[in-house]
Structure formats: C-alpha cells, structure tokens
Amino acid sequence: MSALTDDARAALARRVDGLLRTVPDFPEPGVQFRDIMPLLADAEAFAEVVAALVADAPGPVDLVAGMEARGFLLAAPVATALGAGVVPVRKAGKLPGPVASATYDLEYGSATVEVQPFTVRHGARVLVVDDVLATGGTAAATVDLLERCGAEVVGLSFLVELEALAGRALLSGHRVSALLTL
C-alpha cells in the first residue's frame, strides 16, 4: 500500500468531482443527493478510486465493512485488494439472525443498521468504507455496532465528505479519510 502523492490525490479528486451528479431534493426536499453511479460506470475512474481507497488503508485489516448500499460497491473490491473479508452493514430486516443493531438519526429521519455479529471476529481490524460522509450518523452507528461486536475499527474511508454537514465530528477518535471534500 503506497500513499497517493498530493498531485495524484488532487487529480483524482477533480476526476471524482466531475463524475458526481448532484440531485436536488432527493430523497427528501432540501437534501442534495450525491449520485456516484456515473463514477461507477466509468471503469477506469472506478479502478482509480478503489486503488486510492486501498492506498489510504491504515495498515493491515482483517475486514472491510461496507454500509448499505453504495458502500457495498466500494467495500468489496477494496477488501479483495487488501486480502480481507467483507462485512455488509445492512438496513434493518435484511439479514437473517442473529443480528446486532444500532439506531441513529440522519438528515431526513432515523434508521437502524444491522450486522451478523458472528461474522466479526473479536479483535478483528476493520476498515469502514462508504460513498458519502454527510451528518455522520450512519458511520457512527456502524462504528458502535462493530465495536460492540468486538472489532477494532482502524479507519473510515469515504469517497466524498460533505464538510458543511460536520459528520466527522461524530467520528472523533477514529481515523477518517475522504478522497473528495465538498
């Protein structure tokens, strides 16, 4: 894992920014949804993003946790490249039991996430990956959930951070990185 140079990181951030689509008032009025599907459809850009997320990984990891649903699309190739397993962090009711759960607030309501605790070995080093860090509720709930399962969350990596929503504040004490900050 070699870190990106500042120039390479800046070039990738510009490329990601150019491929994001902002959808106003989705899924609720006032929300500016960041659509990553054009980026995922660009094979070269997607490969560059995965390589950058791998380069940002904080040392060896045992598991990569992807948050539903776009986080799954990033976590799986990152885990493969790191030689780690994948743990999906799902919306409530999507996993057969037993499950551990955490409820949290988000910018337009509340939600619950779940994980199968038997998939998280006690002491496992876990990297959490998702597409967007907004208010931080989903990420903080995911960290809480994984730590209650006995994992050590060694970092959180995001494609995009929406700085004005201050989600990073809920993740204090954890290593947080984003390829693009808006």
C-alpha atoms as a PDB file:
ATOM      1  CA  MET A   1       0.000   0.000   0.000  1.00  0.00           C
ATOM      2  CA  SER A   2       1.663   3.188  -1.126  1.00  0.00           C
ATOM      3  CA  ALA A   3       0.022   6.506  -0.367  1.00  0.00           C
ATOM      4  CA  LEU A   4      -1.027   8.796  -3.186  1.00  0.00           C
ATOM      5  CA  THR A   5       1.078  11.861  -3.871  1.00  0.00           C
ATOM      6  CA  ASP A   6      -0.644  15.186  -3.271  1.00  0.00           C
ATOM      7  CA  ASP A   7      -0.778  15.804  -7.026  1.00  0.00           C
ATOM      8  CA  ALA A   8      -2.285  12.379  -7.728  1.00  0.00           C
ATOM      9  CA  ARG A   9      -4.833  12.856  -4.938  1.00  0.00           C
ATOM     10  CA  ALA A  10      -5.820  16.282  -6.288  1.00  0.00           C
ATOM     11  CA  ALA A  11      -6.172  14.919  -9.828  1.00  0.00           C
ATOM     12  CA  LEU A  12      -8.341  12.037  -8.615  1.00  0.00           C
ATOM     13  CA  ALA A  13     -10.484  14.411  -6.540  1.00  0.00           C
ATOM     14  CA  ARG A  14     -11.100  16.546  -9.647  1.00  0.00           C
ATOM     15  CA  ARG A  15     -11.997  13.445 -11.646  1.00  0.00           C
ATOM     16  CA  VAL A  16     -14.400  12.200  -8.957  1.00  0.00           C
ATOM     17  CA  ASP A  17     -15.969  15.645  -8.685  1.00  0.00           C
ATOM     18  CA  GLY A  18     -16.506  15.712 -12.442  1.00  0.00           C
ATOM     19  CA  LEU A  19     -18.271  12.347 -12.375  1.00  0.00           C
ATOM     20  CA  LEU A  20     -20.596  13.013  -9.421  1.00  0.00           C
ATOM     21  CA  ARG A  21     -24.141  14.062 -10.125  1.00  0.00           C
ATOM     22  CA  THR A  22     -25.996  16.245  -7.628  1.00  0.00           C
ATOM     23  CA  VAL A  23     -29.720  15.525  -7.449  1.00  0.00           C
ATOM     24  CA  PRO A  24     -31.651  18.262  -5.617  1.00  0.00           C
ATOM     25  CA  ASP A  25     -34.477  17.388  -3.235  1.00  0.00           C
ATOM     26  CA  PHE A  26     -33.803  13.638  -3.199  1.00  0.00           C
ATOM     27  CA  PRO A  27     -34.895  11.623  -1.285  1.00  0.00           C
ATOM     28  CA  GLU A  28     -36.476  14.500   0.651  1.00  0.00           C
ATOM     29  CA  PRO A  29     -36.925  18.232  -0.061  1.00  0.00           C
ATOM     30  CA  GLY A  30     -33.775  20.149   0.872  1.00  0.00           C
ATOM     31  CA  VAL A  31     -31.398  17.197   0.527  1.00  0.00           C
ATOM     32  CA  GLN A  32     -28.691  17.417  -2.155  1.00  0.00           C
ATOM     33  CA  PHE A  33     -28.120  13.750  -3.070  1.00  0.00           C
ATOM     34  CA  ARG A  34     -24.661  12.878  -4.419  1.00  0.00           C
ATOM     35  CA  ASP A  35     -25.098  10.235  -7.108  1.00  0.00           C
ATOM     36  CA  ILE A  36     -21.955   8.135  -7.641  1.00  0.00           C
ATOM     37  CA  MET A  37     -23.424   5.929 -10.381  1.00  0.00           C
ATOM     38  CA  PRO A  38     -21.678   7.819 -13.239  1.00  0.00           C
ATOM     39  CA  LEU A  39     -18.359   7.200 -11.464  1.00  0.00           C
ATOM     40  CA  LEU A  40     -19.105   3.501 -11.019  1.00  0.00           C
ATOM     41  CA  ALA A  41     -19.969   3.246 -14.715  1.00  0.00           C
ATOM     42  CA  ASP A  42     -16.530   4.609 -15.666  1.00  0.00           C
ATOM     43  CA  ALA A  43     -14.287   1.529 -15.320  1.00  0.00           C
ATOM     44  CA  GLU A  44     -11.024   3.473 -15.261  1.00  0.00           C
ATOM     45  CA  ALA A  45     -12.216   6.029 -12.702  1.00  0.00           C
ATOM     46  CA  PHE A  46     -13.741   3.291 -10.539  1.00  0.00           C
ATOM     47  CA  ALA A  47     -10.437   1.372 -10.576  1.00  0.00           C
ATOM     48  CA  GLU A  48      -8.560   4.549  -9.597  1.00  0.00           C
ATOM     49  CA  VAL A  49     -10.939   5.153  -6.696  1.00  0.00           C
ATOM     50  CA  VAL A  50     -10.544   1.590  -5.429  1.00  0.00           C
ATOM     51  CA  ALA A  51      -6.744   1.874  -5.683  1.00  0.00           C
ATOM     52  CA  ALA A  52      -6.834   5.154  -3.756  1.00  0.00           C
ATOM     53  CA  LEU A  53      -9.033   3.687  -1.000  1.00  0.00           C
ATOM     54  CA  VAL A  54      -6.622   0.752  -0.747  1.00  0.00           C
ATOM     55  CA  ALA A  55      -3.649   3.130  -0.580  1.00  0.00           C
ATOM     56  CA  ASP A  56      -5.382   5.024   2.267  1.00  0.00           C
ATOM     57  CA  ALA A  57      -5.906   1.864   4.346  1.00  0.00           C
ATOM     58  CA  PRO A  58      -4.323   2.166   7.800  1.00  0.00           C
ATOM     59  CA  GLY A  59      -2.095  -0.893   7.683  1.00  0.00           C
ATOM     60  CA  PRO A  60      -3.326  -4.462   7.540  1.00  0.00           C
ATOM     61  CA  VAL A  61      -7.044  -5.076   8.004  1.00  0.00           C
ATOM     62  CA  ASP A  62      -8.987  -8.273   8.569  1.00  0.00           C
ATOM     63  CA  LEU A  63     -12.360  -6.998   7.360  1.00  0.00           C
ATOM     64  CA  VAL A  64     -13.776  -4.184   5.286  1.00  0.00           C
ATOM     65  CA  ALA A  65     -17.269  -3.116   6.358  1.00  0.00           C
ATOM     66  CA  GLY A  66     -19.442  -1.601   3.644  1.00  0.00           C
ATOM     67  CA  MET A  67     -22.528   0.360   4.549  1.00  0.00           C
ATOM     68  CA  GLU A  68     -25.732  -0.253   2.598  1.00  0.00           C
ATOM     69  CA  ALA A  69     -25.984   0.133  -0.218  1.00  0.00           C
ATOM     70  CA  ARG A  70     -23.379   2.036  -2.205  1.00  0.00           C
ATOM     71  CA  GLY A  71     -20.746   1.228   0.404  1.00  0.00           C
ATOM     72  CA  PHE A  72     -21.030  -2.429  -0.636  1.00  0.00           C
ATOM     73  CA  LEU A  73     -19.909  -1.484  -4.153  1.00  0.00           C
ATOM     74  CA  LEU A  74     -16.737   0.125  -2.808  1.00  0.00           C
ATOM     75  CA  ALA A  75     -16.005  -2.223   0.091  1.00  0.00           C
ATOM     76  CA  ALA A  76     -15.903  -5.471  -1.890  1.00  0.00           C
ATOM     77  CA  PRO A  77     -13.114  -4.524  -4.334  1.00  0.00           C
ATOM     78  CA  VAL A  78     -11.178  -2.758  -1.561  1.00  0.00           C
ATOM     79  CA  ALA A  79     -11.388  -5.895   0.602  1.00  0.00           C
ATOM     80  CA  THR A  80     -10.259  -8.094  -2.283  1.00  0.00           C
ATOM     81  CA  ALA A  81      -7.252  -5.861  -2.924  1.00  0.00           C
ATOM     82  CA  LEU A  82      -6.365  -5.850   0.784  1.00  0.00           C
ATOM     83  CA  GLY A  83      -6.794  -9.618   1.178  1.00  0.00           C
ATOM     84  CA  ALA A  84      -9.556  -9.008   3.715  1.00  0.00           C
ATOM     85  CA  GLY A  85     -13.105 -10.243   4.167  1.00  0.00           C
ATOM     86  CA  VAL A  86     -16.222  -8.122   3.661  1.00  0.00           C
ATOM     87  CA  VAL A  87     -18.908  -7.443   6.240  1.00  0.00           C
ATOM     88  CA  PRO A  88     -22.103  -5.845   4.961  1.00  0.00           C
ATOM     89  CA  VAL A  89     -23.728  -3.362   7.326  1.00  0.00           C
ATOM     90  CA  ARG A  90     -27.383  -3.635   6.316  1.00  0.00           C
ATOM     91  CA  LYS A  91     -30.610  -1.785   6.887  1.00  0.00           C
ATOM     92  CA  ALA A  92     -32.844  -3.399   9.491  1.00  0.00           C
ATOM     93  CA  GLY A  93     -34.610  -6.583   8.485  1.00  0.00           C
ATOM     94  CA  LYS A  94     -32.306  -7.509   5.589  1.00  0.00           C
ATOM     95  CA  LEU A  95     -30.118 -10.107   7.357  1.00  0.00           C
ATOM     96  CA  PRO A  96     -31.140 -13.447   8.845  1.00  0.00           C
ATOM     97  CA  GLY A  97     -30.477 -13.572  12.571  1.00  0.00           C
ATOM     98  CA  PRO A  98     -28.912 -13.362  14.897  1.00  0.00           C
ATOM     99  CA  VAL A  99     -28.100  -9.703  14.341  1.00  0.00           C
ATOM    100  CA  ALA A 100     -26.747  -6.803  16.355  1.00  0.00           C
ATOM    101  CA  SER A 101     -28.311  -3.424  15.608  1.00  0.00           C
ATOM    102  CA  ALA A 102     -27.872   0.303  16.131  1.00  0.00           C
ATOM    103  CA  THR A 103     -30.423   3.066  15.542  1.00  0.00           C
ATOM    104  CA  TYR A 104     -29.319   6.571  14.587  1.00  0.00           C
ATOM    105  CA  ASP A 105     -30.565   9.893  13.244  1.00  0.00           C
ATOM    106  CA  LEU A 106     -29.833  11.093   9.730  1.00  0.00           C
ATOM    107  CA  GLU A 107     -30.528  14.340   7.921  1.00  0.00           C
ATOM    108  CA  TYR A 108     -34.098  13.337   6.990  1.00  0.00           C
ATOM    109  CA  GLY A 109     -35.264  10.894   9.679  1.00  0.00           C
ATOM    110  CA  SER A 110     -33.890   7.918  11.570  1.00  0.00           C
ATOM    111  CA  ALA A 111     -32.732   4.449  10.606  1.00  0.00           C
ATOM    112  CA  THR A 112     -31.345   1.215  12.002  1.00  0.00           C
ATOM    113  CA  VAL A 113     -28.363  -0.758  10.743  1.00  0.00           C
ATOM    114  CA  GLU A 114     -27.534  -4.373  11.489  1.00  0.00           C
ATOM    115  CA  VAL A 115     -24.654  -6.798  11.215  1.00  0.00           C
ATOM    116  CA  GLN A 116     -24.369 -10.506  11.870  1.00  0.00           C
ATOM    117  CA  PRO A 117     -22.082 -10.483  14.921  1.00  0.00           C
ATOM    118  CA  PHE A 118     -20.652 -13.932  14.209  1.00  0.00           C
ATOM    119  CA  THR A 119     -19.036 -12.511  11.018  1.00  0.00           C
ATOM    120  CA  VAL A 120     -16.896 -10.137  13.088  1.00  0.00           C
ATOM    121  CA  ARG A 121     -14.097 -11.947  14.918  1.00  0.00           C
ATOM    122  CA  HIS A 122     -13.241 -10.444  18.324  1.00  0.00           C
ATOM    123  CA  GLY A 123     -10.208  -8.178  17.847  1.00  0.00           C
ATOM    124  CA  ALA A 124     -10.605  -8.006  14.055  1.00  0.00           C
ATOM    125  CA  ARG A 125      -9.107  -4.883  12.487  1.00  0.00           C
ATOM    126  CA  VAL A 126     -11.898  -3.322  10.437  1.00  0.00           C
ATOM    127  CA  LEU A 127     -11.848  -0.593   7.809  1.00  0.00           C
ATOM    128  CA  VAL A 128     -15.262   1.012   7.245  1.00  0.00           C
ATOM    129  CA  VAL A 129     -15.942   2.168   3.667  1.00  0.00           C
ATOM    130  CA  ASP A 130     -18.822   4.207   2.266  1.00  0.00           C
ATOM    131  CA  ASP A 131     -19.543   6.584  -0.561  1.00  0.00           C
ATOM    132  CA  VAL A 132     -20.526   9.775   1.306  1.00  0.00           C
ATOM    133  CA  LEU A 133     -19.874  11.120   4.788  1.00  0.00           C
ATOM    134  CA  ALA A 134     -22.728  13.550   5.457  1.00  0.00           C
ATOM    135  CA  THR A 135     -24.026  14.031   9.023  1.00  0.00           C
ATOM    136  CA  GLY A 136     -22.048  11.014  10.250  1.00  0.00           C
ATOM    137  CA  GLY A 137     -24.986   9.153  11.773  1.00  0.00           C
ATOM    138  CA  THR A 138     -24.668   6.007   9.684  1.00  0.00           C
ATOM    139  CA  ALA A 139     -20.905   5.893  10.118  1.00  0.00           C
ATOM    140  CA  ALA A 140     -21.063   6.466  13.891  1.00  0.00           C
ATOM    141  CA  ALA A 141     -23.734   3.771  14.262  1.00  0.00           C
ATOM    142  CA  THR A 142     -21.598   1.399  12.190  1.00  0.00           C
ATOM    143  CA  VAL A 143     -18.530   2.059  14.348  1.00  0.00           C
ATOM    144  CA  ASP A 144     -20.583   1.491  17.507  1.00  0.00           C
ATOM    145  CA  LEU A 145     -22.034  -1.718  16.116  1.00  0.00           C
ATOM    146  CA  LEU A 146     -18.662  -3.142  15.056  1.00  0.00           C
ATOM    147  CA  GLU A 147     -17.004  -2.215  18.343  1.00  0.00           C
ATOM    148  CA  ARG A 148     -19.832  -3.833  20.320  1.00  0.00           C
ATOM    149  CA  CYS A 149     -19.142  -6.981  18.264  1.00  0.00           C
ATOM    150  CA  GLY A 150     -15.526  -6.849  19.488  1.00  0.00           C
ATOM    151  CA  ALA A 151     -13.857  -5.319  16.430  1.00  0.00           C
ATOM    152  CA  GLU A 152     -11.204  -2.635  16.367  1.00  0.00           C
ATOM    153  CA  VAL A 153     -12.255  -0.003  13.838  1.00  0.00           C
ATOM    154  CA  VAL A 154      -8.910   1.162  12.446  1.00  0.00           C
ATOM    155  CA  GLY A 155     -10.267   3.701   9.991  1.00  0.00           C
ATOM    156  CA  LEU A 156     -13.137   5.031   7.944  1.00  0.00           C
ATOM    157  CA  SER A 157     -12.689   5.818   4.248  1.00  0.00           C
ATOM    158  CA  PHE A 158     -15.172   7.760   2.159  1.00  0.00           C
ATOM    159  CA  LEU A 159     -15.336   8.694  -1.472  1.00  0.00           C
ATOM    160  CA  VAL A 160     -16.844  12.117  -0.637  1.00  0.00           C
ATOM    161  CA  GLU A 161     -17.145  14.153   2.550  1.00  0.00           C
ATOM    162  CA  LEU A 162     -19.781  16.895   2.744  1.00  0.00           C
ATOM    163  CA  GLU A 163     -17.832  19.143   5.085  1.00  0.00           C
ATOM    164  CA  ALA A 164     -20.677  21.568   5.887  1.00  0.00           C
ATOM    165  CA  LEU A 165     -22.688  18.734   7.481  1.00  0.00           C
ATOM    166  CA  ALA A 166     -19.889  18.124  10.044  1.00  0.00           C
ATOM    167  CA  GLY A 167     -20.207  14.326  10.078  1.00  0.00           C
ATOM    168  CA  ARG A 168     -16.548  13.959  11.013  1.00  0.00           C
ATOM    169  CA  ALA A 169     -17.367  15.353  14.476  1.00  0.00           C
ATOM    170  CA  LEU A 170     -19.330  12.188  15.344  1.00  0.00           C
ATOM    171  CA  LEU A 171     -16.271  10.094  14.483  1.00  0.00           C
ATOM    172  CA  SER A 172     -13.734  11.774  16.742  1.00  0.00           C
ATOM    173  CA  GLY A 173     -11.060   9.408  17.950  1.00  0.00           C
ATOM    174  CA  HIS A 174     -11.139   7.490  14.655  1.00  0.00           C
ATOM    175  CA  ARG A 175      -9.014   7.895  11.557  1.00  0.00           C
ATOM    176  CA  VAL A 176     -11.227   9.370   8.810  1.00  0.00           C
ATOM    177  CA  SER A 177     -10.227   9.966   5.200  1.00  0.00           C
ATOM    178  CA  ALA A 178     -12.113  11.147   2.122  1.00  0.00           C
ATOM    179  CA  LEU A 179     -10.946  11.303  -1.480  1.00  0.00           C
ATOM    180  CA  LEU A 180     -13.002  14.459  -2.157  1.00  0.00           C
ATOM    181  CA  THR A 181     -14.239  17.095   0.281  1.00  0.00           C
ATOM    182  CA  LEU A 182     -17.112  19.314  -0.811  1.00  0.00           C
END
